[in-house]
Amino acid sequence: MVTGAASGIGAALTTALVERGLDVVAIDRHTADIDPRADRFAVDVRDEAAMAAVAERFAGRAAAMVFANAGIGGIGGDAPDLPDAAWQWAWEVNTLGVLRTLRLWWPHLCAGRGQAVATLSAAALQSFPGAGPYRASKAALLAALEGLHYRAQAHGVSVHAMCPGLVRTQIVDVGRYDEAAHPTPGAALAGNPFAAHLAEAMQHAEPAAQFAQRVLRELEAGAPFYWLTHGETRDWIEARHHAIEQGHPPFSDFAGTGPRVRRTVEAA
């Protein structure tokens, strides 16, 4: 089962799974762009009743893999810039939508002793400006999944917090959502160097189809709980944790100093 199956990582995973001969339940708000070989459902992950109805339709069937993948980049900005609606949107999709998906499909996962994969982001473990709702919602999800990890062990289910770096998708194109027209971001992002860095870096990111194939290979090989799929994020994550341990300000070096980041923090 895959949520967010109409675009990006979810679309690529759906196609890759179908091509492996698996029966795939694919969920998204719009189904036109979902691989037609999948069993497609036009459902918003925020709609608890509709999500429950899909899961109930497959009651009694074991699930080998559940990809709670649906997510949004959200409105750019930080605490002074954004109305409550911007934070609520990110929370309802990126955090609650994933937890709801895993709850509703938990009986299927237990029956199949399956693999539960939640798409987070390396942003859950990094610090940078201008993406408050996105980072906060992904960090909250990670905390919830850490608890689920312990519960899952008793049921033979493996839980994976997949934290990709950059994958070439439409996630930064929030204008395609109606919700983006309502919360109005403040002026804080004007001239934000991180936004410019992200726009440039996304052009050279790993294609979603390539990433999906790699995800399935790594799952078969035994992926970890903290699944950092892009090695280039590790230095930044490690530097942030050094900053936390040493009482320094949040570490953010998106310009890319590579291996030097650890020494930079230690010397600060």
Protein backbone atom coordinates (compact mmCIF):
# COMPACT_ATOMS: atom_id res chain seq x y z
CA MET A 1 0.00 0.00 0.00
CA VAL A 2 1.29 3.43 -0.97
CA THR A 3 -0.08 6.86 -0.07
CA GLY A 4 0.86 9.93 -2.04
CA ALA A 5 0.91 7.62 -5.06
CA ALA A 6 0.19 10.18 -7.78
CA SER A 7 3.52 12.01 -7.81
CA GLY A 8 7.12 12.00 -6.70
CA ILE A 9 8.43 9.18 -4.55
CA GLY A 10 4.97 7.64 -4.12
CA ALA A 11 4.34 7.41 -7.86
CA ALA A 12 7.77 5.91 -8.43
CA LEU A 13 7.30 3.37 -5.63
CA THR A 14 3.89 2.36 -6.98
CA THR A 15 5.28 1.68 -10.45
CA ALA A 16 8.32 -0.15 -9.08
CA LEU A 17 6.14 -2.39 -6.90
CA VAL A 18 3.69 -3.16 -9.70
CA GLU A 19 6.57 -4.07 -11.98
CA ARG A 20 7.72 -6.58 -9.37
CA GLY A 21 4.39 -8.36 -9.72
CA LEU A 22 2.85 -7.20 -6.44
CA ASP A 23 -0.77 -6.21 -5.86
CA VAL A 24 -0.59 -2.52 -4.97
CA VAL A 25 -3.20 -0.37 -3.26
CA ALA A 26 -2.42 3.22 -4.29
CA ILE A 27 -3.97 6.22 -2.55
CA ASP A 28 -3.90 9.91 -3.46
CA ARG A 29 -6.32 12.82 -3.67
CA HIS A 30 -6.38 12.44 -7.46
CA THR A 31 -5.84 9.14 -9.26
CA ALA A 32 -5.27 10.22 -12.87
CA ASP A 33 -1.48 10.12 -12.53
CA ILE A 34 -1.28 6.89 -10.53
CA ASP A 35 0.00 3.84 -12.40
CA PRO A 36 -3.22 2.29 -13.83
CA ARG A 37 -2.00 -1.21 -12.99
CA ALA A 38 -2.47 -0.45 -9.29
CA ASP A 39 -5.76 -0.56 -7.36
CA ARG A 40 -6.35 3.21 -7.15
CA PHE A 41 -8.33 5.19 -4.59
CA ALA A 42 -9.02 8.92 -4.64
CA VAL A 43 -8.72 9.70 -0.94
CA ASP A 44 -7.12 12.49 1.09
CA VAL A 45 -5.04 11.11 3.97
CA ARG A 46 -6.66 13.77 6.19
CA ASP A 47 -10.07 12.10 5.72
CA GLU A 48 -10.19 9.51 8.49
CA ALA A 49 -13.48 7.92 7.40
CA ALA A 50 -12.41 7.52 3.77
CA MET A 51 -9.00 6.15 4.74
CA ALA A 52 -10.66 3.67 7.10
CA ALA A 53 -13.03 2.55 4.36
CA VAL A 54 -10.14 1.68 2.05
CA ALA A 55 -8.33 -0.27 4.76
CA GLU A 56 -11.56 -2.10 5.64
CA ARG A 57 -12.06 -3.05 2.01
CA PHE A 58 -8.89 -5.14 2.28
CA ALA A 59 -9.63 -6.56 5.74
CA GLY A 60 -8.18 -10.01 6.19
CA ARG A 61 -5.43 -9.50 3.63
CA ALA A 62 -1.83 -9.42 4.78
CA ALA A 63 0.37 -6.51 3.74
CA ALA A 64 4.01 -7.09 2.91
CA MET A 65 4.80 -3.37 2.77
CA VAL A 66 2.97 -0.19 3.73
CA PHE A 67 4.50 3.04 2.48
CA ALA A 68 3.01 5.94 4.46
CA ASN A 69 4.47 8.36 1.98
CA ALA A 70 2.00 11.20 1.44
CA GLY A 71 3.54 14.53 2.41
CA ILE A 72 3.73 18.21 1.54
CA GLY A 73 6.53 20.76 1.57
CA GLY A 74 4.20 23.20 3.26
CA ILE A 75 4.26 26.97 3.38
CA GLY A 76 7.72 28.45 3.79
CA GLY A 77 8.44 30.54 6.85
CA ASP A 78 9.04 30.39 10.59
CA ALA A 79 7.04 31.15 13.74
CA PRO A 80 6.64 34.95 13.27
CA ASP A 81 5.67 34.62 9.63
CA LEU A 82 2.84 32.12 9.44
CA PRO A 83 -0.79 31.80 10.56
CA ASP A 84 -2.04 28.73 12.40
CA ALA A 85 -3.48 27.29 9.19
CA ALA A 86 -0.01 26.85 7.69
CA TRP A 87 1.17 24.79 10.66
CA GLN A 88 -2.08 22.84 10.82
CA TRP A 89 -1.88 21.84 7.17
CA ALA A 90 1.63 20.43 7.57
CA TRP A 91 0.66 18.66 10.80
CA GLU A 92 -2.46 17.05 9.35
CA VAL A 93 -0.71 15.69 6.25
CA ASN A 94 2.90 15.05 7.28
CA THR A 95 2.35 13.83 10.83
CA LEU A 96 -1.23 12.82 11.55
CA GLY A 97 -1.83 11.51 8.02
CA VAL A 98 1.13 9.13 8.32
CA LEU A 99 0.18 7.96 11.82
CA ARG A 100 -3.43 7.43 10.71
CA THR A 101 -2.24 5.37 7.74
CA LEU A 102 -0.10 3.14 9.92
CA ARG A 103 -2.87 2.70 12.49
CA LEU A 104 -5.48 1.71 9.93
CA TRP A 105 -3.17 -0.69 8.11
CA TRP A 106 -1.61 -2.10 11.28
CA PRO A 107 -3.74 -5.30 11.25
CA HIS A 108 -2.66 -5.94 7.66
CA LEU A 109 0.99 -5.41 8.57
CA CYS A 110 0.75 -7.72 11.58
CA ALA A 111 -0.91 -10.41 9.49
CA GLY A 112 1.91 -10.22 6.96
CA ARG A 113 4.72 -9.52 9.46
CA GLY A 114 5.36 -6.71 7.03
CA GLN A 115 7.48 -3.60 6.67
CA ALA A 116 6.08 -0.19 7.60
CA VAL A 117 7.94 2.61 5.85
CA ALA A 118 7.19 6.24 6.65
CA THR A 119 8.64 8.92 4.40
CA LEU A 120 10.14 11.62 6.58
CA SER A 121 13.08 13.75 5.53
CA ALA A 122 16.65 14.40 6.59
CA ALA A 123 15.14 17.78 7.53
CA ALA A 124 13.73 16.09 10.65
CA LEU A 125 17.31 15.82 11.89
CA GLN A 126 18.75 19.03 10.45
CA SER A 127 18.35 22.73 11.19
CA PHE A 128 17.88 25.48 8.63
CA PRO A 129 15.69 28.56 8.27
CA GLY A 130 12.46 29.12 6.40
CA ALA A 131 10.85 25.66 6.52
CA GLY A 132 9.27 25.69 9.96
CA PRO A 133 6.06 23.70 9.32
CA TYR A 134 7.84 21.10 7.20
CA ARG A 135 10.71 20.50 9.64
CA ALA A 136 8.47 20.55 12.72
CA SER A 137 5.94 18.10 11.27
CA LYS A 138 8.66 15.68 10.18
CA ALA A 139 10.47 15.89 13.54
CA ALA A 140 7.21 15.19 15.38
CA LEU A 141 6.60 12.18 13.16
CA LEU A 142 10.06 10.82 13.93
CA ALA A 143 9.39 11.02 17.67
CA ALA A 144 6.11 9.12 17.25
CA LEU A 145 7.75 6.43 15.11
CA GLU A 146 10.45 5.85 17.70
CA GLY A 147 7.70 4.80 20.10
CA LEU A 148 6.05 2.62 17.45
CA HIS A 149 9.33 0.81 16.85
CA TYR A 150 9.14 -0.82 20.28
CA ARG A 151 5.50 -1.78 19.88
CA ALA A 152 6.15 -3.29 16.47
CA GLN A 153 8.78 -5.73 17.66
CA ALA A 154 6.17 -7.82 19.47
CA HIS A 155 4.19 -8.18 16.24
CA GLY A 156 6.97 -9.07 13.82
CA VAL A 157 6.55 -5.77 11.98
CA SER A 158 9.61 -3.73 11.05
CA VAL A 159 9.27 0.05 11.16
CA HIS A 160 11.49 2.31 9.06
CA ALA A 161 11.78 6.09 9.39
CA MET A 162 13.03 6.85 5.91
CA CYS A 163 14.84 10.20 5.90
CA PRO A 164 15.83 11.09 2.33
CA GLY A 165 18.00 13.93 1.26
CA LEU A 166 17.04 15.62 -1.98
CA VAL A 167 14.97 13.59 -4.44
CA ARG A 168 13.76 15.21 -7.64
CA THR A 169 10.02 15.66 -7.05
CA GLN A 170 7.43 18.45 -7.00
CA ILE A 171 7.49 18.81 -3.23
CA VAL A 172 8.66 22.42 -3.33
CA ASP A 173 5.84 23.34 -5.73
CA VAL A 174 3.25 24.11 -3.04
CA GLY A 175 1.32 26.32 -5.45
CA ARG A 176 -0.36 23.21 -6.89
CA TYR A 177 -2.38 22.85 -3.66
CA ASP A 178 -5.50 24.88 -2.92
CA GLU A 179 -4.41 25.16 0.72
CA ALA A 180 -1.34 27.16 -0.27
CA ALA A 181 -3.54 30.05 -1.40
CA HIS A 182 -4.93 30.67 2.08
CA PRO A 183 -2.05 30.89 4.57
CA THR A 184 -0.01 33.87 3.41
CA PRO A 185 3.71 33.60 4.17
CA GLY A 186 5.43 36.65 5.58
CA ALA A 187 8.30 38.50 4.01
CA ALA A 188 10.91 36.43 5.86
CA LEU A 189 11.58 34.20 2.86
CA ALA A 190 12.40 37.10 0.57
CA GLY A 191 16.10 36.76 -0.07
CA ASN A 192 16.31 33.63 2.09
CA PRO A 193 19.54 31.96 0.93
CA PHE A 194 18.25 28.50 1.83
CA ALA A 195 15.31 28.84 -0.57
CA ALA A 196 17.71 29.75 -3.38
CA HIS A 197 20.02 26.88 -2.44
CA LEU A 198 17.13 24.39 -2.48
CA ALA A 199 15.84 25.53 -5.86
CA GLU A 200 19.28 25.07 -7.39
CA ALA A 201 20.05 21.77 -5.66
CA MET A 202 16.72 20.21 -6.66
CA GLN A 203 17.70 20.44 -10.32
CA HIS A 204 20.57 18.03 -9.67
CA ALA A 205 18.81 15.73 -7.18
CA GLU A 206 18.37 11.99 -7.59
CA PRO A 207 15.39 11.16 -9.85
CA ALA A 208 12.42 9.68 -8.01
CA ALA A 209 12.33 6.53 -10.17
CA GLN A 210 15.96 5.76 -9.40
CA PHE A 211 15.40 6.44 -5.71
CA ALA A 212 12.38 4.11 -5.56
CA GLN A 213 14.35 1.22 -6.99
CA ARG A 214 17.10 1.82 -4.45
CA VAL A 215 14.57 1.94 -1.61
CA LEU A 216 13.19 -1.49 -2.52
CA ARG A 217 16.67 -2.99 -2.81
CA GLU A 218 17.67 -1.62 0.58
CA LEU A 219 14.45 -2.87 2.17
CA GLU A 220 15.18 -6.35 0.90
CA ALA A 221 18.71 -6.13 2.26
CA GLY A 222 17.48 -5.07 5.71
CA ALA A 223 17.01 -1.32 6.08
CA PRO A 224 17.49 0.21 9.56
CA PHE A 225 14.97 2.19 11.60
CA TYR A 226 16.87 5.47 11.17
CA TRP A 227 17.14 5.16 7.42
CA LEU A 228 19.38 7.93 6.07
CA THR A 229 19.15 7.18 2.38
CA HIS A 230 21.53 9.93 1.24
CA GLY A 231 25.03 9.84 2.66
CA GLU A 232 25.62 13.51 1.98
CA THR A 233 23.22 14.43 4.79
CA ARG A 234 25.18 12.65 7.49
CA ASP A 235 27.81 15.33 8.13
CA TRP A 236 25.13 17.99 8.55
CA ILE A 237 23.08 15.78 10.91
CA GLU A 238 26.13 14.89 12.95
CA ALA A 239 27.18 18.54 13.19
CA ARG A 240 23.72 19.51 14.44
CA HIS A 241 23.93 16.90 17.19
CA HIS A 242 27.39 18.12 18.16
CA ALA A 243 25.94 21.62 18.43
CA ILE A 244 23.17 20.33 20.70
CA GLU A 245 25.59 18.42 22.93
CA GLN A 246 27.95 21.39 23.24
CA GLY A 247 25.29 24.02 23.81
CA HIS A 248 25.94 25.89 20.57
CA PRO A 249 23.26 27.62 18.46
CA PRO A 250 21.43 25.48 15.86
CA PHE A 251 23.86 24.34 13.20
CA SER A 252 23.01 25.23 9.61
CA ASP A 253 25.49 25.12 6.76
CA PHE A 254 23.50 24.43 3.64
CA ALA A 255 26.20 25.91 1.42
CA GLY A 256 28.05 22.63 1.87
CA THR A 257 31.35 22.44 3.71
CA GLY A 258 31.22 18.65 3.55
CA PRO A 259 33.41 16.75 6.03
CA ARG A 260 34.63 20.03 7.54
CA VAL A 261 31.34 20.62 9.35
CA ARG A 262 32.23 18.49 12.37
CA ARG A 263 35.46 20.37 12.97
CA THR A 264 33.66 23.68 12.47
CA VAL A 265 31.22 22.93 15.27
CA GLU A 266 33.87 21.53 17.59
CA ALA A 267 35.97 24.65 17.12
CA ALA A 268 33.06 27.06 17.66
